[in-house]
Amino acid sequence: MTFYSCFDSQGKVIARCQTDQEIEVLKRMGRPIVEVRAMKKEEAIVCSLTGSPSDFNLDY
């Protein structure tokens, strides 16, 4: 399973997503996503341990 980190223009993480569809929803909601990067396996483990990556997205 691949998780993605979404960054704004200043390089700050603004969301973590699991699918391209989640990323598109955030863009349509007006989130300033400038860059999307696949997370490394060791980073993605944190998402799977803490719940859904959408839990990180406070706007969802």
Protein backbone atom coordinates (compact mmCIF):
# COMPACT_ATOMS: atom_id res chain seq x y z
CA MET A 1 0.00 0.00 0.00
CA THR A 2 1.36 3.41 -0.97
CA PHE A 3 0.75 6.56 1.03
CA TYR A 4 1.44 10.06 -0.26
CA SER A 5 2.52 13.30 1.40
CA CYS A 6 1.14 16.52 -0.08
CA PHE A 7 3.18 19.70 0.26
CA ASP A 8 2.40 23.40 -0.09
CA SER A 9 4.58 25.98 -1.85
CA GLN A 10 6.78 26.40 1.24
CA GLY A 11 7.49 22.67 1.49
CA LYS A 12 5.26 22.00 4.51
CA VAL A 13 3.22 18.81 4.69
CA ILE A 14 -0.43 19.77 4.44
CA ALA A 15 -1.99 16.32 3.96
CA ARG A 16 -1.29 12.62 3.82
CA CYS A 17 -3.36 10.58 1.40
CA GLN A 18 -3.68 6.99 0.29
CA THR A 19 -5.16 7.42 -3.19
CA ASP A 20 -5.01 9.79 -6.14
CA GLN A 21 -8.73 10.38 -5.64
CA GLU A 22 -8.15 11.73 -2.11
CA ILE A 23 -5.52 14.11 -3.49
CA GLU A 24 -7.94 15.34 -6.19
CA VAL A 25 -10.67 15.93 -3.59
CA LEU A 26 -8.30 18.07 -1.53
CA LYS A 27 -7.32 20.08 -4.61
CA ARG A 28 -11.00 20.68 -5.44
CA MET A 29 -11.52 21.80 -1.82
CA GLY A 30 -8.90 24.48 -2.45
CA ARG A 31 -5.94 23.00 -0.58
CA PRO A 32 -2.74 24.55 -2.04
CA ILE A 33 -1.09 21.26 -3.03
CA VAL A 34 2.05 22.01 -5.03
CA GLU A 35 3.90 18.70 -4.76
CA VAL A 36 2.92 15.09 -4.03
CA ARG A 37 5.52 12.50 -3.01
CA ALA A 38 5.13 8.81 -2.25
CA MET A 39 6.08 8.08 1.34
CA LYS A 40 8.89 5.68 2.19
CA LYS A 41 7.82 2.39 3.76
CA GLU A 42 9.06 3.46 7.19
CA GLU A 43 7.03 6.69 6.97
CA ALA A 44 3.90 4.90 5.77
CA ILE A 45 3.97 2.56 8.77
CA VAL A 46 3.09 5.51 10.98
CA CYS A 47 -0.08 6.10 8.92
CA SER A 48 -1.14 2.48 9.16
CA LEU A 49 -0.55 2.43 12.93
CA THR A 50 -2.41 5.67 13.64
CA GLY A 51 -5.41 4.98 11.44
CA SER A 52 -6.49 6.23 8.08
CA PRO A 53 -4.28 8.79 6.34
CA SER A 54 -7.40 10.91 5.92
CA ASP A 55 -7.42 11.33 9.74
CA PHE A 56 -4.48 13.67 9.17
CA ASN A 57 -6.56 15.87 6.84
CA LEU A 58 -8.49 18.14 9.19
CA ASP A 59 -10.62 19.48 6.30
CA TYR A 60 -12.03 16.06 5.36
